[in-house]
Amino acid sequence: MLLQKQQTVPYIGVFKLNSGEEFIGKVVREQDTYYIISKPLCMVGTERGFQFAPFIMMGDMDSDITLPKPVINTLPNKAILDQYETATSTIALPKQSSIII
């Protein structure tokens, strides 16, 4: 069996459950049998396109969740990572720098 190298905590990960649901969140602690994840969000389709929504609609967004292993886990692509950081940041992040002439 191949063992996957653990990421350095904290990190932002994408998770896919056995039910097919997929979400993104910040892993604040990782043990052999579970993850502790803060600010879990999923993508939902709206009239304005896809947007983030709370993964657990009736849950407290400020509370961490415990996710038992095994689940599929990977790192997010750059576009989703940037959107997640913007959506969960308490400060306004600047857009990419540009040169003004």
N, C-alpha and C. Protein backbone atom coordinates (compact mmCIF):
# COMPACT_ATOMS: atom_id res chain seq x y z
N MET A 1 0.84 -1.17 0.00
CA MET A 1 0.00 0.00 0.00
C MET A 1 0.89 1.23 0.00
N LEU A 2 0.51 2.22 -0.81
CA LEU A 2 1.23 3.48 -0.86
C LEU A 2 0.68 4.42 0.19
N LEU A 3 1.55 5.07 0.91
CA LEU A 3 1.13 6.05 1.90
C LEU A 3 1.33 7.44 1.33
N GLN A 4 0.31 8.28 1.47
CA GLN A 4 0.40 9.65 0.99
C GLN A 4 1.07 10.49 2.06
N LYS A 5 2.01 11.32 1.63
CA LYS A 5 2.69 12.23 2.55
C LYS A 5 1.70 13.26 3.05
N GLN A 6 1.65 13.46 4.37
CA GLN A 6 0.74 14.44 4.94
C GLN A 6 1.22 15.85 4.63
N GLN A 7 0.27 16.75 4.39
CA GLN A 7 0.57 18.15 4.17
C GLN A 7 0.93 18.80 5.50
N THR A 8 1.59 19.93 5.44
CA THR A 8 1.89 20.69 6.64
C THR A 8 0.63 21.45 7.05
N VAL A 9 0.17 21.21 8.26
CA VAL A 9 -1.05 21.83 8.77
C VAL A 9 -0.72 23.22 9.25
N PRO A 10 -1.53 24.25 9.03
CA PRO A 10 -2.82 24.22 8.32
C PRO A 10 -2.64 24.31 6.81
N TYR A 11 -3.58 23.73 6.09
CA TYR A 11 -3.61 23.82 4.63
C TYR A 11 -5.06 23.75 4.16
N ILE A 12 -5.29 24.20 2.95
CA ILE A 12 -6.64 24.16 2.38
C ILE A 12 -6.71 22.94 1.49
N GLY A 13 -7.73 22.11 1.74
CA GLY A 13 -7.89 20.87 0.99
C GLY A 13 -9.28 20.74 0.40
N VAL A 14 -9.37 19.90 -0.62
CA VAL A 14 -10.65 19.55 -1.25
C VAL A 14 -10.93 18.11 -0.87
N PHE A 15 -12.18 17.84 -0.46
CA PHE A 15 -12.57 16.52 0.02
C PHE A 15 -13.77 16.01 -0.77
N LYS A 16 -13.76 14.72 -1.08
CA LYS A 16 -14.91 14.09 -1.74
C LYS A 16 -15.33 12.91 -0.87
N LEU A 17 -16.59 12.93 -0.46
CA LEU A 17 -17.13 11.90 0.42
C LEU A 17 -17.63 10.70 -0.38
N ASN A 18 -17.90 9.59 0.31
CA ASN A 18 -18.44 8.41 -0.35
C ASN A 18 -19.79 8.69 -1.00
N SER A 19 -20.53 9.66 -0.48
CA SER A 19 -21.84 10.02 -1.03
C SER A 19 -21.73 10.82 -2.33
N GLY A 20 -20.52 11.25 -2.68
CA GLY A 20 -20.31 12.03 -3.89
C GLY A 20 -20.22 13.52 -3.63
N GLU A 21 -20.55 13.96 -2.42
CA GLU A 21 -20.45 15.38 -2.10
C GLU A 21 -18.99 15.81 -2.06
N GLU A 22 -18.75 17.02 -2.51
CA GLU A 22 -17.40 17.56 -2.57
C GLU A 22 -17.39 18.93 -1.89
N PHE A 23 -16.36 19.19 -1.09
CA PHE A 23 -16.26 20.49 -0.43
C PHE A 23 -14.81 20.87 -0.22
N ILE A 24 -14.60 22.14 0.10
CA ILE A 24 -13.28 22.69 0.35
C ILE A 24 -13.26 23.23 1.77
N GLY A 25 -12.12 23.14 2.43
CA GLY A 25 -12.02 23.67 3.79
C GLY A 25 -10.57 23.73 4.23
N LYS A 26 -10.35 24.43 5.33
CA LYS A 26 -9.01 24.59 5.88
C LYS A 26 -8.78 23.50 6.93
N VAL A 27 -7.79 22.64 6.70
CA VAL A 27 -7.46 21.58 7.64
C VAL A 27 -6.62 22.20 8.75
N VAL A 28 -7.17 22.21 9.95
CA VAL A 28 -6.46 22.80 11.08
C VAL A 28 -5.78 21.74 11.95
N ARG A 29 -6.21 20.48 11.80
CA ARG A 29 -5.55 19.38 12.50
C ARG A 29 -5.81 18.10 11.72
N GLU A 30 -4.79 17.23 11.68
CA GLU A 30 -4.93 15.95 10.99
C GLU A 30 -4.35 14.86 11.87
N GLN A 31 -5.16 13.82 12.09
CA GLN A 31 -4.73 12.65 12.86
C GLN A 31 -4.81 11.43 11.95
N ASP A 32 -4.46 10.28 12.47
CA ASP A 32 -4.50 9.06 11.66
C ASP A 32 -5.91 8.70 11.21
N THR A 33 -6.92 9.03 12.02
CA THR A 33 -8.28 8.59 11.72
C THR A 33 -9.26 9.71 11.36
N TYR A 34 -8.84 10.97 11.45
CA TYR A 34 -9.77 12.06 11.15
C TYR A 34 -9.05 13.36 10.82
N TYR A 35 -9.82 14.29 10.22
CA TYR A 35 -9.38 15.66 9.98
C TYR A 35 -10.26 16.58 10.82
N ILE A 36 -9.71 17.70 11.28
CA ILE A 36 -10.49 18.79 11.84
C ILE A 36 -10.44 19.91 10.81
N ILE A 37 -11.62 20.34 10.33
CA ILE A 37 -11.68 21.29 9.21
C ILE A 37 -12.49 22.51 9.63
N SER A 38 -11.95 23.69 9.30
CA SER A 38 -12.68 24.93 9.57
C SER A 38 -13.18 25.52 8.26
N LYS A 39 -14.28 26.23 8.34
CA LYS A 39 -14.90 26.93 7.21
C LYS A 39 -15.11 26.04 5.99
N PRO A 40 -15.82 24.90 6.15
CA PRO A 40 -16.09 24.05 4.99
C PRO A 40 -17.15 24.67 4.09
N LEU A 41 -16.86 24.75 2.80
CA LEU A 41 -17.77 25.32 1.82
C LEU A 41 -17.93 24.37 0.64
N CYS A 42 -19.10 24.39 0.02
CA CYS A 42 -19.34 23.62 -1.19
C CYS A 42 -19.77 24.58 -2.29
N MET A 43 -19.77 24.12 -3.53
CA MET A 43 -20.18 24.94 -4.67
C MET A 43 -21.65 24.64 -4.98
N VAL A 44 -22.42 25.71 -5.21
CA VAL A 44 -23.83 25.56 -5.60
C VAL A 44 -24.08 26.42 -6.84
N GLY A 45 -24.97 25.94 -7.69
CA GLY A 45 -25.32 26.69 -8.88
C GLY A 45 -26.41 27.72 -8.58
N THR A 46 -26.21 28.95 -9.03
CA THR A 46 -27.19 30.01 -8.86
C THR A 46 -27.42 30.67 -10.21
N GLU A 47 -28.31 31.68 -10.23
CA GLU A 47 -28.56 32.40 -11.48
C GLU A 47 -27.30 33.11 -11.97
N ARG A 48 -26.40 33.46 -11.04
CA ARG A 48 -25.17 34.17 -11.39
C ARG A 48 -23.98 33.22 -11.57
N GLY A 49 -24.23 31.94 -11.70
CA GLY A 49 -23.16 30.97 -11.85
C GLY A 49 -22.90 30.23 -10.55
N PHE A 50 -21.78 29.55 -10.46
CA PHE A 50 -21.45 28.79 -9.26
C PHE A 50 -20.89 29.71 -8.19
N GLN A 51 -21.33 29.47 -6.94
CA GLN A 51 -20.86 30.24 -5.81
C GLN A 51 -20.67 29.31 -4.62
N PHE A 52 -19.90 29.77 -3.63
CA PHE A 52 -19.71 29.00 -2.41
C PHE A 52 -20.93 29.12 -1.51
N ALA A 53 -21.22 28.04 -0.80
CA ALA A 53 -22.29 28.00 0.21
C ALA A 53 -21.77 27.14 1.37
N PRO A 54 -22.33 27.32 2.57
CA PRO A 54 -21.90 26.48 3.69
C PRO A 54 -22.11 25.00 3.38
N PHE A 55 -21.15 24.18 3.74
CA PHE A 55 -21.26 22.74 3.49
C PHE A 55 -22.36 22.13 4.34
N ILE A 56 -22.48 22.59 5.58
CA ILE A 56 -23.55 22.14 6.47
C ILE A 56 -24.44 23.36 6.69
N MET A 57 -25.56 23.41 6.00
CA MET A 57 -26.41 24.60 5.97
C MET A 57 -26.86 25.06 7.36
N MET A 58 -27.21 24.15 8.24
CA MET A 58 -27.73 24.54 9.54
C MET A 58 -26.65 24.57 10.62
N GLY A 59 -25.41 24.35 10.24
CA GLY A 59 -24.30 24.36 11.19
C GLY A 59 -23.75 25.75 11.40
N ASP A 60 -23.03 25.91 12.48
CA ASP A 60 -22.37 27.17 12.80
C ASP A 60 -21.09 27.27 11.98
N MET A 61 -21.00 28.29 11.12
CA MET A 61 -19.83 28.44 10.24
C MET A 61 -18.54 28.71 11.01
N ASP A 62 -18.66 29.16 12.26
CA ASP A 62 -17.47 29.43 13.05
C ASP A 62 -16.98 28.20 13.81
N SER A 63 -17.74 27.10 13.74
CA SER A 63 -17.34 25.87 14.41
C SER A 63 -16.61 24.96 13.44
N ASP A 64 -15.61 24.26 13.94
CA ASP A 64 -14.88 23.29 13.13
C ASP A 64 -15.70 22.01 13.01
N ILE A 65 -15.43 21.24 11.95
CA ILE A 65 -16.08 19.94 11.80
C ILE A 65 -15.01 18.85 11.87
N THR A 66 -15.44 17.66 12.27
CA THR A 66 -14.57 16.50 12.30
C THR A 66 -14.96 15.60 11.14
N LEU A 67 -14.00 15.25 10.31
CA LEU A 67 -14.24 14.41 9.14
C LEU A 67 -13.45 13.12 9.31
N PRO A 68 -14.15 11.99 9.49
CA PRO A 68 -13.42 10.73 9.65
C PRO A 68 -12.77 10.29 8.35
N LYS A 69 -11.62 9.66 8.46
CA LYS A 69 -10.94 9.09 7.29
C LYS A 69 -11.48 7.69 7.08
N PRO A 70 -11.41 7.08 5.94
CA PRO A 70 -10.81 7.57 4.71
C PRO A 70 -11.80 8.35 3.86
N VAL A 71 -11.32 9.38 3.24
CA VAL A 71 -12.04 10.16 2.22
C VAL A 71 -11.04 10.50 1.14
N ILE A 72 -11.54 10.93 0.01
CA ILE A 72 -10.63 11.39 -1.05
C ILE A 72 -10.24 12.82 -0.71
N ASN A 73 -8.95 13.10 -0.73
CA ASN A 73 -8.43 14.40 -0.35
C ASN A 73 -7.38 14.83 -1.36
N THR A 74 -7.47 16.08 -1.80
CA THR A 74 -6.47 16.63 -2.71
C THR A 74 -6.35 18.12 -2.45
N LEU A 75 -5.38 18.73 -3.09
CA LEU A 75 -5.22 20.18 -2.98
C LEU A 75 -6.07 20.85 -4.06
N PRO A 76 -6.63 22.04 -3.78
CA PRO A 76 -7.46 22.71 -4.78
C PRO A 76 -6.65 23.32 -5.91
N ASN A 77 -7.32 23.52 -7.06
CA ASN A 77 -6.63 24.22 -8.14
C ASN A 77 -6.53 25.69 -7.78
N LYS A 78 -5.67 26.42 -8.47
CA LYS A 78 -5.35 27.82 -8.13
C LYS A 78 -6.58 28.72 -8.13
N ALA A 79 -7.45 28.59 -9.13
CA ALA A 79 -8.63 29.46 -9.22
C ALA A 79 -9.56 29.25 -8.04
N ILE A 80 -9.82 28.01 -7.68
CA ILE A 80 -10.70 27.71 -6.54
C ILE A 80 -10.04 28.16 -5.25
N LEU A 81 -8.74 27.93 -5.11
CA LEU A 81 -8.02 28.35 -3.91
C LEU A 81 -8.14 29.86 -3.71
N ASP A 82 -7.93 30.63 -4.77
CA ASP A 82 -8.04 32.09 -4.68
C ASP A 82 -9.45 32.52 -4.29
N GLN A 83 -10.45 31.90 -4.88
CA GLN A 83 -11.84 32.23 -4.56
C GLN A 83 -12.17 31.88 -3.12
N TYR A 84 -11.69 30.73 -2.65
CA TYR A 84 -11.94 30.31 -1.27
C TYR A 84 -11.28 31.28 -0.29
N GLU A 85 -10.04 31.65 -0.56
CA GLU A 85 -9.34 32.58 0.34
C GLU A 85 -10.05 33.92 0.38
N THR A 86 -10.55 34.39 -0.76
CA THR A 86 -11.29 35.66 -0.79
C THR A 86 -12.60 35.54 -0.01
N ALA A 87 -13.29 34.42 -0.18
CA ALA A 87 -14.59 34.23 0.48
C ALA A 87 -14.46 34.08 1.99
N THR A 88 -13.36 33.53 2.48
CA THR A 88 -13.23 33.25 3.91
C THR A 88 -12.33 34.22 4.65
N SER A 89 -11.68 35.12 3.93
CA SER A 89 -10.77 36.06 4.57
C SER A 89 -11.53 37.16 5.30
N THR A 90 -10.98 37.59 6.42
CA THR A 90 -11.59 38.69 7.17
C THR A 90 -11.10 40.04 6.67
N ILE A 91 -10.11 40.03 5.79
CA ILE A 91 -9.62 41.28 5.20
C ILE A 91 -9.80 41.20 3.69
N ALA A 92 -9.92 42.35 3.06
CA ALA A 92 -10.06 42.38 1.60
C ALA A 92 -8.70 42.15 0.97
N LEU A 93 -8.61 41.10 0.16
CA LEU A 93 -7.35 40.77 -0.51
C LEU A 93 -7.25 41.55 -1.81
N PRO A 94 -6.07 42.12 -2.12
CA PRO A 94 -5.93 42.85 -3.38
C PRO A 94 -5.90 41.89 -4.56
N LYS A 95 -6.35 42.39 -5.71
CA LYS A 95 -6.26 41.60 -6.93
C LYS A 95 -4.79 41.54 -7.34
N GLN A 96 -4.49 40.73 -8.35
CA GLN A 96 -3.11 40.61 -8.80
C GLN A 96 -2.55 41.99 -9.13
N SER A 97 -1.29 42.17 -8.82
CA SER A 97 -0.66 43.46 -9.09
C SER A 97 -0.54 43.69 -10.58
N SER A 98 -0.63 44.96 -10.95
CA SER A 98 -0.45 45.32 -12.35
C SER A 98 0.39 46.58 -12.42
N ILE A 99 1.01 46.77 -13.53
CA ILE A 99 1.88 47.93 -13.72
C ILE A 99 1.05 49.05 -14.34
N ILE A 100 1.09 50.22 -13.72
CA ILE A 100 0.38 51.37 -14.23
C ILE A 100 1.40 52.30 -14.90
N ILE A 101 1.14 52.62 -16.15
CA ILE A 101 2.08 53.47 -16.90
C ILE A 101 1.48 54.83 -17.12
